[in-house]
């Protein structure tokens, strides 16, 4: 099975939770994609070294309409808060994280 890391347009948010399992990243992505107007995907791992104590995913990208008219903003925030409470804080994703 392969993962699609393609991000064709700039995302609004790129987040990482360093100990979040791959399956939970996929669950978060699926929940976000249920919000009208939201696109979400997975970012590639930052390290080429496999470590059982680290996530197998680099992070999560989220894209949604800009502006005050986006009705799904609170849903996106609620979804992210739900997973933050269970798995720990989200951090901004950076290409320099190893």
PDB file of N, CA and C in Angstrom:
ATOM      1  N   UNK A   1       0.842  -1.159   0.000  1.00  0.00           N
ATOM      2  CA  UNK A   1       0.000   0.000   0.000  1.00  0.00           C
ATOM      3  C   UNK A   1       0.897   1.234   0.000  1.00  0.00           C
ATOM      4  N   UNK A   2       0.565   2.223  -0.837  1.00  0.00           N
ATOM      5  CA  UNK A   2       1.353   3.449  -0.858  1.00  0.00           C
ATOM      6  C   UNK A   2       0.493   4.619  -0.403  1.00  0.00           C
ATOM      7  N   UNK A   3       1.166   5.631   0.125  1.00  0.00           N
ATOM      8  CA  UNK A   3       0.475   6.821   0.600  1.00  0.00           C
ATOM      9  C   UNK A   3       0.691   7.942  -0.392  1.00  0.00           C
ATOM     10  N   UNK A   4      -0.342   8.738  -0.641  1.00  0.00           N
ATOM     11  CA  UNK A   4      -0.233   9.878  -1.529  1.00  0.00           C
ATOM     12  C   UNK A   4       0.102  11.106  -0.701  1.00  0.00           C
ATOM     13  N   UNK A   5       1.310  11.645  -0.898  1.00  0.00           N
ATOM     14  CA  UNK A   5       1.739  12.820  -0.165  1.00  0.00           C
ATOM     15  C   UNK A   5       1.565  14.086  -0.990  1.00  0.00           C
ATOM     16  N   UNK A   6       0.979  13.978  -2.182  1.00  0.00           N
ATOM     17  CA  UNK A   6       0.906  15.114  -3.086  1.00  0.00           C
ATOM     18  C   UNK A   6       0.092  16.275  -2.548  1.00  0.00           C
ATOM     19  N   UNK A   7       0.725  17.428  -2.487  1.00  0.00           N
ATOM     20  CA  UNK A   7       0.042  18.659  -2.112  1.00  0.00           C
ATOM     21  C   UNK A   7       0.220  19.585  -3.305  1.00  0.00           C
ATOM     22  N   UNK A   8      -0.859  19.818  -4.058  1.00  0.00           N
ATOM     23  CA  UNK A   8      -0.740  20.600  -5.277  1.00  0.00           C
ATOM     24  C   UNK A   8      -0.869  22.094  -5.038  1.00  0.00           C
ATOM     25  N   UNK A   9      -1.606  22.498  -4.023  1.00  0.00           N
ATOM     26  CA  UNK A   9      -1.738  23.910  -3.667  1.00  0.00           C
ATOM     27  C   UNK A   9      -1.294  24.089  -2.228  1.00  0.00           C
ATOM     28  N   UNK A  10      -0.934  25.320  -1.890  1.00  0.00           N
ATOM     29  CA  UNK A  10      -0.456  25.616  -0.536  1.00  0.00           C
ATOM     30  C   UNK A  10      -1.551  25.342   0.491  1.00  0.00           C
ATOM     31  N   UNK A  11      -1.272  24.524   1.518  1.00  0.00           N
ATOM     32  CA  UNK A  11      -2.267  24.276   2.563  1.00  0.00           C
ATOM     33  C   UNK A  11      -2.382  25.457   3.522  1.00  0.00           C
ATOM     34  N   UNK A  12      -3.530  25.557   4.200  1.00  0.00           N
ATOM     35  CA  UNK A  12      -3.724  26.582   5.224  1.00  0.00           C
ATOM     36  C   UNK A  12      -2.964  26.221   6.496  1.00  0.00           C
ATOM     37  N   UNK A  13      -2.952  24.926   6.824  1.00  0.00           N
ATOM     38  CA  UNK A  13      -2.292  24.446   8.041  1.00  0.00           C
ATOM     39  C   UNK A  13      -1.455  23.225   7.715  1.00  0.00           C
ATOM     40  N   UNK A  14      -0.312  23.128   8.347  1.00  0.00           N
ATOM     41  CA  UNK A  14       0.473  21.898   8.330  1.00  0.00           C
ATOM     42  C   UNK A  14       0.844  21.628   9.782  1.00  0.00           C
ATOM     43  N   UNK A  15       0.404  20.487  10.282  1.00  0.00           N
ATOM     44  CA  UNK A  15       0.548  20.162  11.696  1.00  0.00           C
ATOM     45  C   UNK A  15       1.216  18.812  11.885  1.00  0.00           C
ATOM     46  N   UNK A  16       1.839  18.647  13.047  1.00  0.00           N
ATOM     47  CA  UNK A  16       2.453  17.370  13.394  1.00  0.00           C
ATOM     48  C   UNK A  16       2.201  17.082  14.873  1.00  0.00           C
ATOM     49  N   UNK A  17       2.025  15.813  15.174  1.00  0.00           N
ATOM     50  CA  UNK A  17       1.969  15.332  16.555  1.00  0.00           C
ATOM     51  C   UNK A  17       2.930  14.145  16.585  1.00  0.00           C
ATOM     52  N   UNK A  18       4.079  14.331  17.200  1.00  0.00           N
ATOM     53  CA  UNK A  18       5.217  13.429  17.012  1.00  0.00           C
ATOM     54  C   UNK A  18       4.965  11.965  17.382  1.00  0.00           C
ATOM     55  N   UNK A  19       4.048  11.683  18.273  1.00  0.00           N
ATOM     56  CA  UNK A  19       3.827  10.286  18.664  1.00  0.00           C
ATOM     57  C   UNK A  19       2.488   9.745  18.178  1.00  0.00           C
ATOM     58  N   UNK A  20       1.856  10.451  17.275  1.00  0.00           N
ATOM     59  CA  UNK A  20       0.561  10.018  16.747  1.00  0.00           C
ATOM     60  C   UNK A  20       0.766   8.865  15.762  1.00  0.00           C
ATOM     61  N   UNK A  21       0.105   7.739  15.964  1.00  0.00           N
ATOM     62  CA  UNK A  21       0.248   6.599  15.050  1.00  0.00           C
ATOM     63  C   UNK A  21      -0.350   6.898  13.668  1.00  0.00           C
ATOM     64  N   UNK A  22       0.150   6.195  12.673  1.00  0.00           N
ATOM     65  CA  UNK A  22      -0.326   6.339  11.301  1.00  0.00           C
ATOM     66  C   UNK A  22      -1.839   6.186  11.208  1.00  0.00           C
ATOM     67  N   UNK A  23      -2.392   5.190  11.872  1.00  0.00           N
ATOM     68  CA  UNK A  23      -3.836   4.941  11.811  1.00  0.00           C
ATOM     69  C   UNK A  23      -4.629   6.135  12.343  1.00  0.00           C
ATOM     70  N   UNK A  24      -4.129   6.795  13.369  1.00  0.00           N
ATOM     71  CA  UNK A  24      -4.840   7.952  13.926  1.00  0.00           C
ATOM     72  C   UNK A  24      -4.715   9.144  12.994  1.00  0.00           C
ATOM     73  N   UNK A  25      -3.548   9.344  12.370  1.00  0.00           N
ATOM     74  CA  UNK A  25      -3.420  10.394  11.357  1.00  0.00           C
ATOM     75  C   UNK A  25      -4.466  10.190  10.259  1.00  0.00           C
ATOM     76  N   UNK A  26      -4.615   8.957   9.821  1.00  0.00           N
ATOM     77  CA  UNK A  26      -5.605   8.664   8.772  1.00  0.00           C
ATOM     78  C   UNK A  26      -7.022   8.949   9.259  1.00  0.00           C
ATOM     79  N   UNK A  27      -7.290   8.655  10.513  1.00  0.00           N
ATOM     80  CA  UNK A  27      -8.601   8.917  11.104  1.00  0.00           C
ATOM     81  C   UNK A  27      -8.874  10.425  11.156  1.00  0.00           C
ATOM     82  N   UNK A  28      -7.889  11.202  11.591  1.00  0.00           N
ATOM     83  CA  UNK A  28      -8.027  12.663  11.631  1.00  0.00           C
ATOM     84  C   UNK A  28      -8.294  13.188  10.230  1.00  0.00           C
ATOM     85  N   UNK A  29      -7.507  12.715   9.263  1.00  0.00           N
ATOM     86  CA  UNK A  29      -7.675  13.136   7.879  1.00  0.00           C
ATOM     87  C   UNK A  29      -9.086  12.836   7.381  1.00  0.00           C
ATOM     88  N   UNK A  30      -9.583  11.636   7.659  1.00  0.00           N
ATOM     89  CA  UNK A  30     -10.930  11.256   7.227  1.00  0.00           C
ATOM     90  C   UNK A  30     -11.993  12.135   7.879  1.00  0.00           C
ATOM     91  N   UNK A  31     -11.842  12.436   9.151  1.00  0.00           N
ATOM     92  CA  UNK A  31     -12.808  13.315   9.830  1.00  0.00           C
ATOM     93  C   UNK A  31     -12.793  14.711   9.229  1.00  0.00           C
ATOM     94  N   UNK A  32     -11.617  15.241   8.964  1.00  0.00           N
ATOM     95  CA  UNK A  32     -11.516  16.577   8.377  1.00  0.00           C
ATOM     96  C   UNK A  32     -12.125  16.625   6.982  1.00  0.00           C
ATOM     97  N   UNK A  33     -11.936  15.568   6.207  1.00  0.00           N
ATOM     98  CA  UNK A  33     -12.461  15.532   4.840  1.00  0.00           C
ATOM     99  C   UNK A  33     -13.986  15.473   4.800  1.00  0.00           C
ATOM    100  N   UNK A  34     -14.624  15.178   5.915  1.00  0.00           N
ATOM    101  CA  UNK A  34     -16.083  15.166   5.976  1.00  0.00           C
ATOM    102  C   UNK A  34     -16.661  16.574   6.113  1.00  0.00           C
ATOM    103  N   UNK A  35     -15.830  17.550   6.443  1.00  0.00           N
ATOM    104  CA  UNK A  35     -16.273  18.936   6.555  1.00  0.00           C
ATOM    105  C   UNK A  35     -16.307  19.530   5.145  1.00  0.00           C
ATOM    106  N   UNK A  36     -17.426  20.093   4.764  1.00  0.00           N
ATOM    107  CA  UNK A  36     -17.594  20.662   3.420  1.00  0.00           C
ATOM    108  C   UNK A  36     -16.532  21.725   3.147  1.00  0.00           C
ATOM    109  N   UNK A  37     -15.834  21.580   2.024  1.00  0.00           N
ATOM    110  CA  UNK A  37     -14.829  22.549   1.612  1.00  0.00           C
ATOM    111  C   UNK A  37     -13.430  22.268   2.122  1.00  0.00           C
ATOM    112  N   UNK A  38     -13.265  21.230   2.936  1.00  0.00           N
ATOM    113  CA  UNK A  38     -11.954  20.932   3.525  1.00  0.00           C
ATOM    114  C   UNK A  38     -11.282  19.802   2.751  1.00  0.00           C
ATOM    115  N   UNK A  39     -10.004  19.998   2.470  1.00  0.00           N
ATOM    116  CA  UNK A  39      -9.152  18.953   1.921  1.00  0.00           C
ATOM    117  C   UNK A  39      -8.073  18.686   2.957  1.00  0.00           C
ATOM    118  N   UNK A  40      -7.662  17.449   3.093  1.00  0.00           N
ATOM    119  CA  UNK A  40      -6.616  17.095   4.050  1.00  0.00           C
ATOM    120  C   UNK A  40      -5.809  15.929   3.505  1.00  0.00           C
ATOM    121  N   UNK A  41      -4.560  15.865   3.909  1.00  0.00           N
ATOM    122  CA  UNK A  41      -3.694  14.779   3.477  1.00  0.00           C
ATOM    123  C   UNK A  41      -2.528  14.605   4.430  1.00  0.00           C
ATOM    124  N   UNK A  42      -1.710  13.622   4.136  1.00  0.00           N
ATOM    125  CA  UNK A  42      -0.577  13.279   4.989  1.00  0.00           C
ATOM    126  C   UNK A  42       0.723  13.770   4.379  1.00  0.00           C
ATOM    127  N   UNK A  43       1.634  14.193   5.229  1.00  0.00           N
ATOM    128  CA  UNK A  43       2.957  14.643   4.811  1.00  0.00           C
ATOM    129  C   UNK A  43       3.958  13.505   4.995  1.00  0.00           C
ATOM    130  N   UNK A  44       4.979  13.462   4.162  1.00  0.00           N
ATOM    131  CA  UNK A  44       5.959  12.370   4.272  1.00  0.00           C
ATOM    132  C   UNK A  44       6.755  12.443   5.570  1.00  0.00           C
ATOM    133  N   UNK A  45       7.276  11.316   6.006  1.00  0.00           N
ATOM    134  CA  UNK A  45       8.111  11.312   7.217  1.00  0.00           C
ATOM    135  C   UNK A  45       9.334  12.202   7.038  1.00  0.00           C
ATOM    136  N   UNK A  46       9.799  12.790   8.129  1.00  0.00           N
ATOM    137  CA  UNK A  46      10.961  13.689   8.090  1.00  0.00           C
ATOM    138  C   UNK A  46      12.278  12.940   8.137  1.00  0.00           C
ATOM    139  N   UNK A  47      12.286  11.763   8.707  1.00  0.00           N
ATOM    140  CA  UNK A  47      13.527  11.019   8.871  1.00  0.00           C
ATOM    141  C   UNK A  47      13.496   9.749   8.033  1.00  0.00           C
ATOM    142  N   UNK A  48      14.628   9.401   7.484  1.00  0.00           N
ATOM    143  CA  UNK A  48      14.713   8.143   6.733  1.00  0.00           C
ATOM    144  C   UNK A  48      14.966   6.964   7.654  1.00  0.00           C
ATOM    145  N   UNK A  49      15.289   7.242   8.918  1.00  0.00           N
ATOM    146  CA  UNK A  49      15.513   6.199   9.912  1.00  0.00           C
ATOM    147  C   UNK A  49      14.185   5.798  10.547  1.00  0.00           C
ATOM    148  N   UNK A  50      13.909   4.509  10.598  1.00  0.00           N
ATOM    149  CA  UNK A  50      12.682   4.049  11.243  1.00  0.00           C
ATOM    150  C   UNK A  50      12.889   3.988  12.746  1.00  0.00           C
ATOM    151  N   UNK A  51      11.921   4.500  13.491  1.00  0.00           N
ATOM    152  CA  UNK A  51      11.977   4.485  14.946  1.00  0.00           C
ATOM    153  C   UNK A  51      10.581   4.147  15.463  1.00  0.00           C
ATOM    154  N   UNK A  52      10.449   3.058  16.201  1.00  0.00           N
ATOM    155  CA  UNK A  52       9.149   2.633  16.715  1.00  0.00           C
ATOM    156  C   UNK A  52       8.509   3.673  17.627  1.00  0.00           C
ATOM    157  N   UNK A  53       9.327   4.538  18.228  1.00  0.00           N
ATOM    158  CA  UNK A  53       8.814   5.548  19.152  1.00  0.00           C
ATOM    159  C   UNK A  53       8.361   6.827  18.453  1.00  0.00           C
ATOM    160  N   UNK A  54       8.566   6.919  17.159  1.00  0.00           N
ATOM    161  CA  UNK A  54       8.164   8.097  16.393  1.00  0.00           C
ATOM    162  C   UNK A  54       7.062   7.722  15.407  1.00  0.00           C
ATOM    163  N   UNK A  55       6.337   8.732  14.971  1.00  0.00           N
ATOM    164  CA  UNK A  55       5.266   8.501  14.001  1.00  0.00           C
ATOM    165  C   UNK A  55       5.854   8.083  12.656  1.00  0.00           C
ATOM    166  N   UNK A  56       5.088   7.327  11.899  1.00  0.00           N
ATOM    167  CA  UNK A  56       5.498   6.920  10.553  1.00  0.00           C
ATOM    168  C   UNK A  56       5.086   7.958   9.520  1.00  0.00           C
ATOM    169  N   UNK A  57       4.523   9.061   9.962  1.00  0.00           N
ATOM    170  CA  UNK A  57       4.046  10.132   9.093  1.00  0.00           C
ATOM    171  C   UNK A  57       4.717  11.431   9.526  1.00  0.00           C
ATOM    172  N   UNK A  58       4.997  12.281   8.556  1.00  0.00           N
ATOM    173  CA  UNK A  58       5.619  13.563   8.874  1.00  0.00           C
ATOM    174  C   UNK A  58       4.657  14.568   9.454  1.00  0.00           C
ATOM    175  N   UNK A  59       3.394  14.472   9.061  1.00  0.00           N
ATOM    176  CA  UNK A  59       2.403  15.420   9.553  1.00  0.00           C
ATOM    177  C   UNK A  59       1.134  15.381   8.733  1.00  0.00           C
ATOM    178  N   UNK A  60       0.326  16.396   8.916  1.00  0.00           N
ATOM    179  CA  UNK A  60      -0.997  16.494   8.300  1.00  0.00           C
ATOM    180  C   UNK A  60      -1.128  17.868   7.657  1.00  0.00           C
ATOM    181  N   UNK A  61      -1.564  17.915   6.403  1.00  0.00           N
ATOM    182  CA  UNK A  61      -1.858  19.212   5.789  1.00  0.00           C
ATOM    183  C   UNK A  61      -3.373  19.370   5.677  1.00  0.00           C
ATOM    184  N   UNK A  62      -3.819  20.607   5.842  1.00  0.00           N
ATOM    185  CA  UNK A  62      -5.246  20.919   5.792  1.00  0.00           C
ATOM    186  C   UNK A  62      -5.423  22.161   4.924  1.00  0.00           C
ATOM    187  N   UNK A  63      -6.359  22.096   3.999  1.00  0.00           N
ATOM    188  CA  UNK A  63      -6.670  23.231   3.129  1.00  0.00           C
ATOM    189  C   UNK A  63      -8.171  23.486   3.192  1.00  0.00           C
ATOM    190  N   UNK A  64      -8.544  24.736   3.347  1.00  0.00           N
ATOM    191  CA  UNK A  64      -9.960  25.115   3.408  1.00  0.00           C
ATOM    192  C   UNK A  64     -10.107  26.521   2.848  1.00  0.00           C
ATOM    193  N   UNK A  65     -11.335  26.918   2.513  1.00  0.00           N
ATOM    194  CA  UNK A  65     -11.549  28.243   1.926  1.00  0.00           C
ATOM    195  C   UNK A  65     -11.103  29.360   2.876  1.00  0.00           C
ATOM    196  N   UNK A  66     -10.510  30.392   2.312  1.00  0.00           N
ATOM    197  CA  UNK A  66     -10.076  31.553   3.083  1.00  0.00           C
ATOM    198  C   UNK A  66     -11.244  32.499   3.326  1.00  0.00           C
ATOM    199  N   UNK A  67     -11.167  33.238   4.388  1.00  0.00           N
ATOM    200  CA  UNK A  67     -12.155  34.284   4.645  1.00  0.00           C
ATOM    201  C   UNK A  67     -13.128  33.931   5.744  1.00  0.00           C
ATOM    202  N   UNK A  68     -13.894  34.925   6.129  1.00  0.00           N
ATOM    203  CA  UNK A  68     -14.858  34.787   7.214  1.00  0.00           C
ATOM    204  C   UNK A  68     -16.079  33.950   6.836  1.00  0.00           C
ATOM    205  N   UNK A  69     -16.285  33.735   5.557  1.00  0.00           N
ATOM    206  CA  UNK A  69     -17.479  33.011   5.103  1.00  0.00           C
ATOM    207  C   UNK A  69     -17.366  31.490   5.237  1.00  0.00           C
ATOM    208  N   UNK A  70     -16.215  30.971   5.647  1.00  0.00           N
ATOM    209  CA  UNK A  70     -16.040  29.520   5.756  1.00  0.00           C
ATOM    210  C   UNK A  70     -16.733  29.006   7.014  1.00  0.00           C
ATOM    211  N   UNK A  71     -17.872  28.365   6.824  1.00  0.00           N
ATOM    212  CA  UNK A  71     -18.706  27.899   7.937  1.00  0.00           C
ATOM    213  C   UNK A  71     -18.103  26.698   8.671  1.00  0.00           C
ATOM    214  N   UNK A  72     -17.194  25.983   8.048  1.00  0.00           N
ATOM    215  CA  UNK A  72     -16.631  24.787   8.658  1.00  0.00           C
ATOM    216  C   UNK A  72     -15.447  25.029   9.578  1.00  0.00           C
ATOM    217  N   UNK A  73     -15.034  26.279   9.747  1.00  0.00           N
ATOM    218  CA  UNK A  73     -13.865  26.581  10.569  1.00  0.00           C
ATOM    219  C   UNK A  73     -14.002  26.016  11.983  1.00  0.00           C
ATOM    220  N   UNK A  74     -15.161  26.207  12.606  1.00  0.00           N
ATOM    221  CA  UNK A  74     -15.328  25.711  13.979  1.00  0.00           C
ATOM    222  C   UNK A  74     -15.304  24.187  14.022  1.00  0.00           C
ATOM    223  N   UNK A  75     -15.813  23.517  12.980  1.00  0.00           N
ATOM    224  CA  UNK A  75     -15.757  22.053  12.927  1.00  0.00           C
ATOM    225  C   UNK A  75     -14.310  21.572  12.841  1.00  0.00           C
ATOM    226  N   UNK A  76     -13.512  22.234  12.023  1.00  0.00           N
ATOM    227  CA  UNK A  76     -12.096  21.877  11.893  1.00  0.00           C
ATOM    228  C   UNK A  76     -11.410  22.034  13.249  1.00  0.00           C
ATOM    229  N   UNK A  77     -11.656  23.148  13.919  1.00  0.00           N
ATOM    230  CA  UNK A  77     -11.050  23.389  15.224  1.00  0.00           C
ATOM    231  C   UNK A  77     -11.499  22.354  16.251  1.00  0.00           C
ATOM    232  N   UNK A  78     -12.780  21.960  16.223  1.00  0.00           N
ATOM    233  CA  UNK A  78     -13.282  20.952  17.157  1.00  0.00           C
ATOM    234  C   UNK A  78     -12.636  19.589  16.916  1.00  0.00           C
ATOM    235  N   UNK A  79     -12.467  19.225  15.664  1.00  0.00           N
ATOM    236  CA  UNK A  79     -11.835  17.942  15.333  1.00  0.00           C
ATOM    237  C   UNK A  79     -10.394  17.929  15.831  1.00  0.00           C
ATOM    238  N   UNK A  80      -9.650  18.988  15.540  1.00  0.00           N
ATOM    239  CA  UNK A  80      -8.256  19.062  15.986  1.00  0.00           C
ATOM    240  C   UNK A  80      -8.160  19.070  17.505  1.00  0.00           C
ATOM    241  N   UNK A  81      -9.092  19.734  18.164  1.00  0.00           N
ATOM    242  CA  UNK A  81      -9.094  19.784  19.633  1.00  0.00           C
ATOM    243  C   UNK A  81      -9.389  18.402  20.224  1.00  0.00           C
ATOM    244  N   UNK A  82     -10.309  17.675  19.613  1.00  0.00           N
ATOM    245  CA  UNK A  82     -10.638  16.319  20.062  1.00  0.00           C
ATOM    246  C   UNK A  82      -9.381  15.446  20.095  1.00  0.00           C
ATOM    247  N   UNK A  83      -8.612  15.464  19.016  1.00  0.00           N
ATOM    248  CA  UNK A  83      -7.404  14.637  18.942  1.00  0.00           C
ATOM    249  C   UNK A  83      -6.285  15.200  19.816  1.00  0.00           C
ATOM    250  N   UNK A  84      -6.221  16.512  19.989  1.00  0.00           N
ATOM    251  CA  UNK A  84      -5.223  17.112  20.870  1.00  0.00           C
ATOM    252  C   UNK A  84      -5.434  16.634  22.305  1.00  0.00           C
ATOM    253  N   UNK A  85      -6.690  16.591  22.734  1.00  0.00           N
ATOM    254  CA  UNK A  85      -6.992  16.155  24.099  1.00  0.00           C
ATOM    255  C   UNK A  85      -6.618  14.689  24.333  1.00  0.00           C
ATOM    256  N   UNK A  86      -6.683  13.874  23.312  1.00  0.00           N
ATOM    257  CA  UNK A  86      -6.404  12.444  23.459  1.00  0.00           C
ATOM    258  C   UNK A  86      -4.946  12.068  23.211  1.00  0.00           C
ATOM    259  N   UNK A  87      -4.276  12.818  22.316  1.00  0.00           N
ATOM    260  CA  UNK A  87      -2.935  12.405  21.901  1.00  0.00           C
ATOM    261  C   UNK A  87      -1.849  13.445  22.132  1.00  0.00           C
ATOM    262  N   UNK A  88      -2.194  14.619  22.589  1.00  0.00           N
ATOM    263  CA  UNK A  88      -1.180  15.646  22.832  1.00  0.00           C
ATOM    264  C   UNK A  88      -1.258  16.778  21.826  1.00  0.00           C
ATOM    265  N   UNK A  89      -0.503  17.800  22.116  1.00  0.00           N
ATOM    266  CA  UNK A  89      -0.558  19.048  21.352  1.00  0.00           C
ATOM    267  C   UNK A  89      -0.100  18.870  19.906  1.00  0.00           C
ATOM    268  N   UNK A  90      -0.738  19.616  19.031  1.00  0.00           N
ATOM    269  CA  UNK A  90      -0.311  19.732  17.639  1.00  0.00           C
ATOM    270  C   UNK A  90       0.782  20.790  17.583  1.00  0.00           C
ATOM    271  N   UNK A  91       1.747  20.567  16.724  1.00  0.00           N
ATOM    272  CA  UNK A  91       2.818  21.532  16.503  1.00  0.00           C
ATOM    273  C   UNK A  91       2.816  21.916  15.027  1.00  0.00           C
ATOM    274  N   UNK A  92       3.254  23.131  14.713  1.00  0.00           N
ATOM    275  CA  UNK A  92       3.403  23.475  13.295  1.00  0.00           C
ATOM    276  C   UNK A  92       4.432  22.552  12.653  1.00  0.00           C
ATOM    277  N   UNK A  93       4.151  22.092  11.458  1.00  0.00           N
ATOM    278  CA  UNK A  93       5.068  21.203  10.738  1.00  0.00           C
ATOM    279  C   UNK A  93       6.164  22.038  10.107  1.00  0.00           C
ATOM    280  N   UNK A  94       7.372  21.541  10.143  1.00  0.00           N
ATOM    281  CA  UNK A  94       8.512  22.238   9.543  1.00  0.00           C
ATOM    282  C   UNK A  94       9.388  21.217   8.846  1.00  0.00           C
ATOM    283  N   UNK A  95       9.950  21.611   7.733  1.00  0.00           N
ATOM    284  CA  UNK A  95      10.835  20.698   7.014  1.00  0.00           C
ATOM    285  C   UNK A  95      12.155  20.497   7.736  1.00  0.00           C
ATOM    286  N   UNK A  96      12.397  21.271   8.806  1.00  0.00           N
ATOM    287  CA  UNK A  96      13.648  21.120   9.542  1.00  0.00           C
ATOM    288  C   UNK A  96      13.527  20.190  10.732  1.00  0.00           C
ATOM    289  N   UNK A  97      12.318  19.699  11.044  1.00  0.00           N
ATOM    290  CA  UNK A  97      12.131  18.770  12.166  1.00  0.00           C
ATOM    291  C   UNK A  97      12.732  17.417  11.792  1.00  0.00           C
ATOM    292  N   UNK A  98      13.478  16.822  12.687  1.00  0.00           N
ATOM    293  CA  UNK A  98      14.050  15.483  12.441  1.00  0.00           C
ATOM    294  C   UNK A  98      13.657  14.547  13.548  1.00  0.00           C
TER     295      UNK A  98
END
